[in-house]
Amino acid sequence: SDLLCKEVARFYSFRILKLNEFNP
């Protein structure tokens, strides 16, 4: 599931967000 959904995000240009990246 993780692998497939990540490819969906890349192919259809969904923004990819990470939990541990700081953002104000």
mmCIF file of all heavy atoms, coordinates in Angstrom:
data_MODEL
# 
_entry.id   MODEL 
# 
loop_
_atom_site.group_PDB 
_atom_site.id 
_atom_site.type_symbol 
_atom_site.label_atom_id 
_atom_site.label_alt_id 
_atom_site.label_comp_id 
_atom_site.label_asym_id 
_atom_site.label_entity_id 
_atom_site.label_seq_id 
_atom_site.pdbx_PDB_ins_code 
_atom_site.Cartn_x 
_atom_site.Cartn_y 
_atom_site.Cartn_z 
_atom_site.occupancy 
_atom_site.B_iso_or_equiv 
_atom_site.pdbx_formal_charge 
_atom_site.auth_seq_id 
_atom_site.auth_comp_id 
_atom_site.auth_asym_id 
_atom_site.auth_atom_id 
_atom_site.pdbx_PDB_model_num 
ATOM 1   N N   . SER A 1 1  ? 0.813  -1.213 0.000   1.00 0.00 ? 1  SER A N   1 
ATOM 2   C CA  . SER A 1 1  ? 0.000  0.000  0.000   1.00 0.00 ? 1  SER A CA  1 
ATOM 3   C C   . SER A 1 1  ? 0.847  1.265  0.000   1.00 0.00 ? 1  SER A C   1 
ATOM 4   O O   . SER A 1 1  ? 0.606  2.192  -0.772  1.00 0.00 ? 1  SER A O   1 
ATOM 5   C CB  . SER A 1 1  ? -0.932 -0.008 1.219   1.00 0.00 ? 1  SER A CB  1 
ATOM 6   O OG  . SER A 1 1  ? -1.639 1.200  1.328   1.00 0.00 ? 1  SER A OG  1 
ATOM 7   N N   . ASP A 1 2  ? 1.853  1.313  0.858   1.00 0.00 ? 2  ASP A N   1 
ATOM 8   C CA  . ASP A 1 2  ? 2.715  2.498  0.946   1.00 0.00 ? 2  ASP A CA  1 
ATOM 9   C C   . ASP A 1 2  ? 3.424  2.776  -0.372  1.00 0.00 ? 2  ASP A C   1 
ATOM 10  O O   . ASP A 1 2  ? 3.468  3.908  -0.859  1.00 0.00 ? 2  ASP A O   1 
ATOM 11  C CB  . ASP A 1 2  ? 3.757  2.315  2.060   1.00 0.00 ? 2  ASP A CB  1 
ATOM 12  C CG  . ASP A 1 2  ? 3.387  3.074  3.319   1.00 0.00 ? 2  ASP A CG  1 
ATOM 13  O OD1 . ASP A 1 2  ? 2.431  3.868  3.264   1.00 0.00 ? 2  ASP A OD1 1 
ATOM 14  O OD2 . ASP A 1 2  ? 4.035  2.867  4.359   1.00 0.00 ? 2  ASP A OD2 1 
ATOM 15  N N   . LEU A 1 3  ? 3.988  1.719  -0.941  1.00 0.00 ? 3  LEU A N   1 
ATOM 16  C CA  . LEU A 1 3  ? 4.722  1.854  -2.191  1.00 0.00 ? 3  LEU A CA  1 
ATOM 17  C C   . LEU A 1 3  ? 3.812  2.349  -3.308  1.00 0.00 ? 3  LEU A C   1 
ATOM 18  O O   . LEU A 1 3  ? 4.153  3.250  -4.074  1.00 0.00 ? 3  LEU A O   1 
ATOM 19  C CB  . LEU A 1 3  ? 5.348  0.510  -2.558  1.00 0.00 ? 3  LEU A CB  1 
ATOM 20  C CG  . LEU A 1 3  ? 6.207  0.462  -3.818  1.00 0.00 ? 3  LEU A CG  1 
ATOM 21  C CD1 . LEU A 1 3  ? 7.413  1.373  -3.675  1.00 0.00 ? 3  LEU A CD1 1 
ATOM 22  C CD2 . LEU A 1 3  ? 6.642  -0.967 -4.105  1.00 0.00 ? 3  LEU A CD2 1 
ATOM 23  N N   . LEU A 1 4  ? 2.632  1.752  -3.385  1.00 0.00 ? 4  LEU A N   1 
ATOM 24  C CA  . LEU A 1 4  ? 1.699  2.093  -4.453  1.00 0.00 ? 4  LEU A CA  1 
ATOM 25  C C   . LEU A 1 4  ? 1.183  3.527  -4.312  1.00 0.00 ? 4  LEU A C   1 
ATOM 26  O O   . LEU A 1 4  ? 1.162  4.295  -5.286  1.00 0.00 ? 4  LEU A O   1 
ATOM 27  C CB  . LEU A 1 4  ? 0.537  1.104  -4.448  1.00 0.00 ? 4  LEU A CB  1 
ATOM 28  C CG  . LEU A 1 4  ? -0.486 1.232  -5.580  1.00 0.00 ? 4  LEU A CG  1 
ATOM 29  C CD1 . LEU A 1 4  ? 0.198  1.082  -6.925  1.00 0.00 ? 4  LEU A CD1 1 
ATOM 30  C CD2 . LEU A 1 4  ? -1.578 0.198  -5.413  1.00 0.00 ? 4  LEU A CD2 1 
ATOM 31  N N   . CYS A 1 5  ? 0.787  3.906  -3.088  1.00 0.00 ? 5  CYS A N   1 
ATOM 32  C CA  . CYS A 1 5  ? 0.234  5.249  -2.875  1.00 0.00 ? 5  CYS A CA  1 
ATOM 33  C C   . CYS A 1 5  ? 1.288  6.327  -3.100  1.00 0.00 ? 5  CYS A C   1 
ATOM 34  O O   . CYS A 1 5  ? 0.968  7.427  -3.550  1.00 0.00 ? 5  CYS A O   1 
ATOM 35  C CB  . CYS A 1 5  ? -0.354 5.355  -1.469  1.00 0.00 ? 5  CYS A CB  1 
ATOM 36  S SG  . CYS A 1 5  ? -1.864 4.380  -1.243  1.00 0.00 ? 5  CYS A SG  1 
ATOM 37  N N   . LYS A 1 6  ? 2.538  6.011  -2.793  1.00 0.00 ? 6  LYS A N   1 
ATOM 38  C CA  . LYS A 1 6  ? 3.599  6.983  -3.037  1.00 0.00 ? 6  LYS A CA  1 
ATOM 39  C C   . LYS A 1 6  ? 3.762  7.216  -4.541  1.00 0.00 ? 6  LYS A C   1 
ATOM 40  O O   . LYS A 1 6  ? 3.990  8.350  -4.983  1.00 0.00 ? 6  LYS A O   1 
ATOM 41  C CB  . LYS A 1 6  ? 4.909  6.501  -2.430  1.00 0.00 ? 6  LYS A CB  1 
ATOM 42  C CG  . LYS A 1 6  ? 6.007  7.551  -2.448  1.00 0.00 ? 6  LYS A CG  1 
ATOM 43  C CD  . LYS A 1 6  ? 7.219  7.118  -1.655  1.00 0.00 ? 6  LYS A CD  1 
ATOM 44  C CE  . LYS A 1 6  ? 8.251  8.226  -1.585  1.00 0.00 ? 6  LYS A CE  1 
ATOM 45  N NZ  . LYS A 1 6  ? 9.425  7.841  -0.767  1.00 0.00 ? 6  LYS A NZ  1 
ATOM 46  N N   . GLU A 1 7  ? 3.640  6.152  -5.328  1.00 0.00 ? 7  GLU A N   1 
ATOM 47  C CA  . GLU A 1 7  ? 3.734  6.305  -6.784  1.00 0.00 ? 7  GLU A CA  1 
ATOM 48  C C   . GLU A 1 7  ? 2.535  7.081  -7.329  1.00 0.00 ? 7  GLU A C   1 
ATOM 49  O O   . GLU A 1 7  ? 2.667  7.845  -8.282  1.00 0.00 ? 7  GLU A O   1 
ATOM 50  C CB  . GLU A 1 7  ? 3.852  4.943  -7.457  1.00 0.00 ? 7  GLU A CB  1 
ATOM 51  C CG  . GLU A 1 7  ? 5.182  4.255  -7.245  1.00 0.00 ? 7  GLU A CG  1 
ATOM 52  C CD  . GLU A 1 7  ? 6.362  5.120  -7.660  1.00 0.00 ? 7  GLU A CD  1 
ATOM 53  O OE1 . GLU A 1 7  ? 6.270  5.805  -8.709  1.00 0.00 ? 7  GLU A OE1 1 
ATOM 54  O OE2 . GLU A 1 7  ? 7.366  5.134  -6.933  1.00 0.00 ? 7  GLU A OE2 1 
ATOM 55  N N   . VAL A 1 8  ? 1.368  6.878  -6.729  1.00 0.00 ? 8  VAL A N   1 
ATOM 56  C CA  . VAL A 1 8  ? 0.196  7.662  -7.123  1.00 0.00 ? 8  VAL A CA  1 
ATOM 57  C C   . VAL A 1 8  ? 0.482  9.140  -6.901  1.00 0.00 ? 8  VAL A C   1 
ATOM 58  O O   . VAL A 1 8  ? 0.218  9.996  -7.757  1.00 0.00 ? 8  VAL A O   1 
ATOM 59  C CB  . VAL A 1 8  ? -1.058 7.235  -6.321  1.00 0.00 ? 8  VAL A CB  1 
ATOM 60  C CG1 . VAL A 1 8  ? -2.198 8.226  -6.556  1.00 0.00 ? 8  VAL A CG1 1 
ATOM 61  C CG2 . VAL A 1 8  ? -1.494 5.837  -6.717  1.00 0.00 ? 8  VAL A CG2 1 
ATOM 62  N N   . ALA A 1 9  ? 1.052  9.446  -5.714  1.00 0.00 ? 9  ALA A N   1 
ATOM 63  C CA  . ALA A 1 9  ? 1.356  10.839 -5.382  1.00 0.00 ? 9  ALA A CA  1 
ATOM 64  C C   . ALA A 1 9  ? 2.342  11.444 -6.380  1.00 0.00 ? 9  ALA A C   1 
ATOM 65  O O   . ALA A 1 9  ? 2.168  12.580 -6.823  1.00 0.00 ? 9  ALA A O   1 
ATOM 66  C CB  . ALA A 1 9  ? 1.917  10.907 -3.956  1.00 0.00 ? 9  ALA A CB  1 
ATOM 67  N N   . ARG A 1 10 ? 3.361  10.679 -6.726  1.00 0.00 ? 10 ARG A N   1 
ATOM 68  C CA  . ARG A 1 10 ? 4.363  11.186 -7.665  1.00 0.00 ? 10 ARG A CA  1 
ATOM 69  C C   . ARG A 1 10 ? 3.786  11.356 -9.062  1.00 0.00 ? 10 ARG A C   1 
ATOM 70  O O   . ARG A 1 10 ? 4.001  12.373 -9.727  1.00 0.00 ? 10 ARG A O   1 
ATOM 71  C CB  . ARG A 1 10 ? 5.556  10.230 -7.706  1.00 0.00 ? 10 ARG A CB  1 
ATOM 72  C CG  . ARG A 1 10 ? 6.430  10.278 -6.457  1.00 0.00 ? 10 ARG A CG  1 
ATOM 73  C CD  . ARG A 1 10 ? 7.487  9.202  -6.510  1.00 0.00 ? 10 ARG A CD  1 
ATOM 74  N NE  . ARG A 1 10 ? 8.443  9.317  -5.419  1.00 0.00 ? 10 ARG A NE  1 
ATOM 75  C CZ  . ARG A 1 10 ? 9.356  8.402  -5.125  1.00 0.00 ? 10 ARG A CZ  1 
ATOM 76  N NH1 . ARG A 1 10 ? 9.433  7.291  -5.850  1.00 0.00 ? 10 ARG A NH1 1 
ATOM 77  N NH2 . ARG A 1 10 ? 10.183 8.578  -4.117  1.00 0.00 ? 10 ARG A NH2 1 
ATOM 78  N N   . PHE A 1 11 ? 3.054  10.359 -9.514  1.00 0.00 ? 11 PHE A N   1 
ATOM 79  C CA  . PHE A 1 11 ? 2.556  10.363 -10.890 1.00 0.00 ? 11 PHE A CA  1 
ATOM 80  C C   . PHE A 1 11 ? 1.515  11.452 -11.105 1.00 0.00 ? 11 PHE A C   1 
ATOM 81  O O   . PHE A 1 11 ? 1.501  12.117 -12.140 1.00 0.00 ? 11 PHE A O   1 
ATOM 82  C CB  . PHE A 1 11 ? 1.962  8.999  -11.233 1.00 0.00 ? 11 PHE A CB  1 
ATOM 83  C CG  . PHE A 1 11 ? 1.590  8.844  -12.673 1.00 0.00 ? 11 PHE A CG  1 
ATOM 84  C CD1 . PHE A 1 11 ? 2.556  8.537  -13.620 1.00 0.00 ? 11 PHE A CD1 1 
ATOM 85  C CD2 . PHE A 1 11 ? 0.280  9.004  -13.098 1.00 0.00 ? 11 PHE A CD2 1 
ATOM 86  C CE1 . PHE A 1 11 ? 2.218  8.403  -14.963 1.00 0.00 ? 11 PHE A CE1 1 
ATOM 87  C CE2 . PHE A 1 11 ? -0.067 8.873  -14.426 1.00 0.00 ? 11 PHE A CE2 1 
ATOM 88  C CZ  . PHE A 1 11 ? 0.908  8.567  -15.366 1.00 0.00 ? 11 PHE A CZ  1 
ATOM 89  N N   . TYR A 1 12 ? 0.624  11.638 -10.127 1.00 0.00 ? 12 TYR A N   1 
ATOM 90  C CA  . TYR A 1 12 ? -0.445 12.624 -10.271 1.00 0.00 ? 12 TYR A CA  1 
ATOM 91  C C   . TYR A 1 12 ? -0.109 13.941 -9.577  1.00 0.00 ? 12 TYR A C   1 
ATOM 92  O O   . TYR A 1 12 ? -0.986 14.776 -9.356  1.00 0.00 ? 12 TYR A O   1 
ATOM 93  C CB  . TYR A 1 12 ? -1.757 12.053 -9.740  1.00 0.00 ? 12 TYR A CB  1 
ATOM 94  C CG  . TYR A 1 12 ? -2.292 10.958 -10.638 1.00 0.00 ? 12 TYR A CG  1 
ATOM 95  C CD1 . TYR A 1 12 ? -2.090 9.617  -10.320 1.00 0.00 ? 12 TYR A CD1 1 
ATOM 96  C CD2 . TYR A 1 12 ? -2.980 11.263 -11.810 1.00 0.00 ? 12 TYR A CD2 1 
ATOM 97  C CE1 . TYR A 1 12 ? -2.563 8.611  -11.143 1.00 0.00 ? 12 TYR A CE1 1 
ATOM 98  C CE2 . TYR A 1 12 ? -3.454 10.263 -12.642 1.00 0.00 ? 12 TYR A CE2 1 
ATOM 99  C CZ  . TYR A 1 12 ? -3.243 8.940  -12.302 1.00 0.00 ? 12 TYR A CZ  1 
ATOM 100 O OH  . TYR A 1 12 ? -3.718 7.951  -13.132 1.00 0.00 ? 12 TYR A OH  1 
ATOM 101 N N   . SER A 1 13 ? 1.174  14.113 -9.203  1.00 0.00 ? 13 SER A N   1 
ATOM 102 C CA  . SER A 1 13 ? 1.681  15.385 -8.662  1.00 0.00 ? 13 SER A CA  1 
ATOM 103 C C   . SER A 1 13 ? 0.986  15.828 -7.386  1.00 0.00 ? 13 SER A C   1 
ATOM 104 O O   . SER A 1 13 ? 0.726  17.014 -7.177  1.00 0.00 ? 13 SER A O   1 
ATOM 105 C CB  . SER A 1 13 ? 1.572  16.497 -9.722  1.00 0.00 ? 13 SER A CB  1 
ATOM 106 O OG  . SER A 1 13 ? 2.330  16.164 -10.862 1.00 0.00 ? 13 SER A OG  1 
ATOM 107 N N   . PHE A 1 14 ? 0.674  14.855 -6.500  1.00 0.00 ? 14 PHE A N   1 
ATOM 108 C CA  . PHE A 1 14 ? 0.232  15.231 -5.161  1.00 0.00 ? 14 PHE A CA  1 
ATOM 109 C C   . PHE A 1 14 ? 1.441  15.742 -4.382  1.00 0.00 ? 14 PHE A C   1 
ATOM 110 O O   . PHE A 1 14 ? 2.536  15.201 -4.503  1.00 0.00 ? 14 PHE A O   1 
ATOM 111 C CB  . PHE A 1 14 ? -0.369 14.028 -4.426  1.00 0.00 ? 14 PHE A CB  1 
ATOM 112 C CG  . PHE A 1 14 ? -1.731 13.616 -4.907  1.00 0.00 ? 14 PHE A CG  1 
ATOM 113 C CD1 . PHE A 1 14 ? -1.885 12.537 -5.756  1.00 0.00 ? 14 PHE A CD1 1 
ATOM 114 C CD2 . PHE A 1 14 ? -2.855 14.309 -4.500  1.00 0.00 ? 14 PHE A CD2 1 
ATOM 115 C CE1 . PHE A 1 14 ? -3.136 12.148 -6.201  1.00 0.00 ? 14 PHE A CE1 1 
ATOM 116 C CE2 . PHE A 1 14 ? -4.116 13.934 -4.927  1.00 0.00 ? 14 PHE A CE2 1 
ATOM 117 C CZ  . PHE A 1 14 ? -4.257 12.852 -5.782  1.00 0.00 ? 14 PHE A CZ  1 
ATOM 118 N N   . ARG A 1 15 ? 1.220  16.773 -3.575  1.00 0.00 ? 15 ARG A N   1 
ATOM 119 C CA  . ARG A 1 15 ? 2.292  17.262 -2.723  1.00 0.00 ? 15 ARG A CA  1 
ATOM 120 C C   . ARG A 1 15 ? 2.617  16.198 -1.676  1.00 0.00 ? 15 ARG A C   1 
ATOM 121 O O   . ARG A 1 15 ? 1.720  15.585 -1.117  1.00 0.00 ? 15 ARG A O   1 
ATOM 122 C CB  . ARG A 1 15 ? 1.859  18.556 -2.040  1.00 0.00 ? 15 ARG A CB  1 
ATOM 123 C CG  . ARG A 1 15 ? 3.011  19.355 -1.463  1.00 0.00 ? 15 ARG A CG  1 
ATOM 124 C CD  . ARG A 1 15 ? 2.539  20.606 -0.751  1.00 0.00 ? 15 ARG A CD  1 
ATOM 125 N NE  . ARG A 1 15 ? 1.616  21.406 -1.550  1.00 0.00 ? 15 ARG A NE  1 
ATOM 126 C CZ  . ARG A 1 15 ? 1.513  22.730 -1.428  1.00 0.00 ? 15 ARG A CZ  1 
ATOM 127 N NH1 . ARG A 1 15 ? 2.281  23.371 -0.566  1.00 0.00 ? 15 ARG A NH1 1 
ATOM 128 N NH2 . ARG A 1 15 ? 0.637  23.390 -2.151  1.00 0.00 ? 15 ARG A NH2 1 
ATOM 129 N N   . ILE A 1 16 ? 3.905  15.964 -1.406  1.00 0.00 ? 16 ILE A N   1 
ATOM 130 C CA  . ILE A 1 16 ? 4.333  14.971 -0.422  1.00 0.00 ? 16 ILE A CA  1 
ATOM 131 C C   . ILE A 1 16 ? 4.819  15.695 0.831   1.00 0.00 ? 16 ILE A C   1 
ATOM 132 O O   . ILE A 1 16 ? 5.742  16.517 0.760   1.00 0.00 ? 16 ILE A O   1 
ATOM 133 C CB  . ILE A 1 16 ? 5.447  14.071 -0.991  1.00 0.00 ? 16 ILE A CB  1 
ATOM 134 C CG1 . ILE A 1 16 ? 4.923  13.301 -2.209  1.00 0.00 ? 16 ILE A CG1 1 
ATOM 135 C CG2 . ILE A 1 16 ? 5.955  13.100 0.075   1.00 0.00 ? 16 ILE A CG2 1 
ATOM 136 C CD1 . ILE A 1 16 ? 5.981  12.444 -2.900  1.00 0.00 ? 16 ILE A CD1 1 
ATOM 137 N N   . LEU A 1 17 ? 4.184  15.431 1.961   1.00 0.00 ? 17 LEU A N   1 
ATOM 138 C CA  . LEU A 1 17 ? 4.537  16.078 3.226   1.00 0.00 ? 17 LEU A CA  1 
ATOM 139 C C   . LEU A 1 17 ? 5.104  15.056 4.201   1.00 0.00 ? 17 LEU A C   1 
ATOM 140 O O   . LEU A 1 17 ? 4.693  13.896 4.199   1.00 0.00 ? 17 LEU A O   1 
ATOM 141 C CB  . LEU A 1 17 ? 3.317  16.764 3.839   1.00 0.00 ? 17 LEU A CB  1 
ATOM 142 C CG  . LEU A 1 17 ? 2.659  17.863 2.988   1.00 0.00 ? 17 LEU A CG  1 
ATOM 143 C CD1 . LEU A 1 17 ? 1.469  18.451 3.708   1.00 0.00 ? 17 LEU A CD1 1 
ATOM 144 C CD2 . LEU A 1 17 ? 3.660  18.954 2.641   1.00 0.00 ? 17 LEU A CD2 1 
ATOM 145 N N   . LYS A 1 18 ? 6.033  15.509 5.041   1.00 0.00 ? 18 LYS A N   1 
ATOM 146 C CA  . LYS A 1 18 ? 6.663  14.636 6.024   1.00 0.00 ? 18 LYS A CA  1 
ATOM 147 C C   . LYS A 1 18 ? 6.394  15.154 7.434   1.00 0.00 ? 18 LYS A C   1 
ATOM 148 O O   . LYS A 1 18 ? 6.426  16.360 7.673   1.00 0.00 ? 18 LYS A O   1 
ATOM 149 C CB  . LYS A 1 18 ? 8.168  14.536 5.767   1.00 0.00 ? 18 LYS A CB  1 
ATOM 150 C CG  . LYS A 1 18 ? 8.506  13.885 4.431   1.00 0.00 ? 18 LYS A CG  1 
ATOM 151 C CD  . LYS A 1 18 ? 10.004 13.759 4.226   1.00 0.00 ? 18 LYS A CD  1 
ATOM 152 C CE  . LYS A 1 18 ? 10.321 13.098 2.894   1.00 0.00 ? 18 LYS A CE  1 
ATOM 153 N NZ  . LYS A 1 18 ? 11.787 12.960 2.679   1.00 0.00 ? 18 LYS A NZ  1 
ATOM 154 N N   . LEU A 1 19 ? 6.184  14.227 8.337   1.00 0.00 ? 19 LEU A N   1 
ATOM 155 C CA  . LEU A 1 19 ? 5.794  14.587 9.699   1.00 0.00 ? 19 LEU A CA  1 
ATOM 156 C C   . LEU A 1 19 ? 6.890  15.342 10.427  1.00 0.00 ? 19 LEU A C   1 
ATOM 157 O O   . LEU A 1 19 ? 6.624  16.286 11.163  1.00 0.00 ? 19 LEU A O   1 
ATOM 158 C CB  . LEU A 1 19 ? 5.415  13.323 10.480  1.00 0.00 ? 19 LEU A CB  1 
ATOM 159 C CG  . LEU A 1 19 ? 4.982  13.527 11.934  1.00 0.00 ? 19 LEU A CG  1 
ATOM 160 C CD1 . LEU A 1 19 ? 3.726  14.407 12.003  1.00 0.00 ? 19 LEU A CD1 1 
ATOM 161 C CD2 . LEU A 1 19 ? 4.715  12.181 12.592  1.00 0.00 ? 19 LEU A CD2 1 
ATOM 162 N N   . ASN A 1 20 ? 8.152  14.956 10.230  1.00 0.00 ? 20 ASN A N   1 
ATOM 163 C CA  . ASN A 1 20 ? 9.233  15.494 11.051  1.00 0.00 ? 20 ASN A CA  1 
ATOM 164 C C   . ASN A 1 20 ? 9.945  16.694 10.431  1.00 0.00 ? 20 ASN A C   1 
ATOM 165 O O   . ASN A 1 20 ? 10.964 17.140 10.947  1.00 0.00 ? 20 ASN A O   1 
ATOM 166 C CB  . ASN A 1 20 ? 10.254 14.392 11.351  1.00 0.00 ? 20 ASN A CB  1 
ATOM 167 C CG  . ASN A 1 20 ? 9.656  13.311 12.230  1.00 0.00 ? 20 ASN A CG  1 
ATOM 168 O OD1 . ASN A 1 20 ? 8.843  13.587 13.104  1.00 0.00 ? 20 ASN A OD1 1 
ATOM 169 N ND2 . ASN A 1 20 ? 10.046 12.075 11.990  1.00 0.00 ? 20 ASN A ND2 1 
ATOM 170 N N   . GLU A 1 21 ? 9.444  17.202 9.320   1.00 0.00 ? 21 GLU A N   1 
ATOM 171 C CA  . GLU A 1 21 ? 10.029 18.403 8.730   1.00 0.00 ? 21 GLU A CA  1 
ATOM 172 C C   . GLU A 1 21 ? 9.392  19.637 9.364   1.00 0.00 ? 21 GLU A C   1 
ATOM 173 O O   . GLU A 1 21 ? 8.174  19.790 9.359   1.00 0.00 ? 21 GLU A O   1 
ATOM 174 C CB  . GLU A 1 21 ? 9.820  18.423 7.215   1.00 0.00 ? 21 GLU A CB  1 
ATOM 175 C CG  . GLU A 1 21 ? 10.722 17.466 6.465   1.00 0.00 ? 21 GLU A CG  1 
ATOM 176 C CD  . GLU A 1 21 ? 10.577 17.609 4.956   1.00 0.00 ? 21 GLU A CD  1 
ATOM 177 O OE1 . GLU A 1 21 ? 9.665  18.339 4.520   1.00 0.00 ? 21 GLU A OE1 1 
ATOM 178 O OE2 . GLU A 1 21 ? 11.363 16.989 4.233   1.00 0.00 ? 21 GLU A OE2 1 
ATOM 179 N N   . PHE A 1 22 ? 10.223 20.529 9.914   1.00 0.00 ? 22 PHE A N   1 
ATOM 180 C CA  . PHE A 1 22 ? 9.698  21.712 10.597  1.00 0.00 ? 22 PHE A CA  1 
ATOM 181 C C   . PHE A 1 22 ? 9.067  22.676 9.614   1.00 0.00 ? 22 PHE A C   1 
ATOM 182 O O   . PHE A 1 22 ? 9.595  22.933 8.533   1.00 0.00 ? 22 PHE A O   1 
ATOM 183 C CB  . PHE A 1 22 ? 10.816 22.430 11.359  1.00 0.00 ? 22 PHE A CB  1 
ATOM 184 C CG  . PHE A 1 22 ? 10.374 23.752 11.954  1.00 0.00 ? 22 PHE A CG  1 
ATOM 185 C CD1 . PHE A 1 22 ? 9.574  23.772 13.080  1.00 0.00 ? 22 PHE A CD1 1 
ATOM 186 C CD2 . PHE A 1 22 ? 10.733 24.949 11.353  1.00 0.00 ? 22 PHE A CD2 1 
ATOM 187 C CE1 . PHE A 1 22 ? 9.154  24.982 13.614  1.00 0.00 ? 22 PHE A CE1 1 
ATOM 188 C CE2 . PHE A 1 22 ? 10.324 26.152 11.878  1.00 0.00 ? 22 PHE A CE2 1 
ATOM 189 C CZ  . PHE A 1 22 ? 9.530  26.174 13.022  1.00 0.00 ? 22 PHE A CZ  1 
ATOM 190 N N   . ASN A 1 23 ? 7.913  23.217 10.002  1.00 0.00 ? 23 ASN A N   1 
ATOM 191 C CA  . ASN A 1 23 ? 7.235  24.221 9.199   1.00 0.00 ? 23 ASN A CA  1 
ATOM 192 C C   . ASN A 1 23 ? 6.443  25.110 10.157  1.00 0.00 ? 23 ASN A C   1 
ATOM 193 O O   . ASN A 1 23 ? 5.598  24.606 10.904  1.00 0.00 ? 23 ASN A O   1 
ATOM 194 C CB  . ASN A 1 23 ? 6.293  23.569 8.186   1.00 0.00 ? 23 ASN A CB  1 
ATOM 195 C CG  . ASN A 1 23 ? 5.720  24.573 7.200   1.00 0.00 ? 23 ASN A CG  1 
ATOM 196 O OD1 . ASN A 1 23 ? 5.556  25.754 7.503   1.00 0.00 ? 23 ASN A OD1 1 
ATOM 197 N ND2 . ASN A 1 23 ? 5.405  24.113 5.996   1.00 0.00 ? 23 ASN A ND2 1 
ATOM 198 N N   . PRO A 1 24 ? 6.717  26.418 10.175  1.00 0.00 ? 24 PRO A N   1 
ATOM 199 C CA  . PRO A 1 24 ? 5.995  27.298 11.105  1.00 0.00 ? 24 PRO A CA  1 
ATOM 200 C C   . PRO A 1 24 ? 4.501  27.377 10.828  1.00 0.00 ? 24 PRO A C   1 
ATOM 201 O O   . PRO A 1 24 ? 3.740  27.847 11.681  1.00 0.00 ? 24 PRO A O   1 
ATOM 202 C CB  . PRO A 1 24 ? 6.666  28.663 10.886  1.00 0.00 ? 24 PRO A CB  1 
ATOM 203 C CG  . PRO A 1 24 ? 7.294  28.587 9.530   1.00 0.00 ? 24 PRO A CG  1 
ATOM 204 C CD  . PRO A 1 24 ? 7.712  27.152 9.363   1.00 0.00 ? 24 PRO A CD  1 
# 
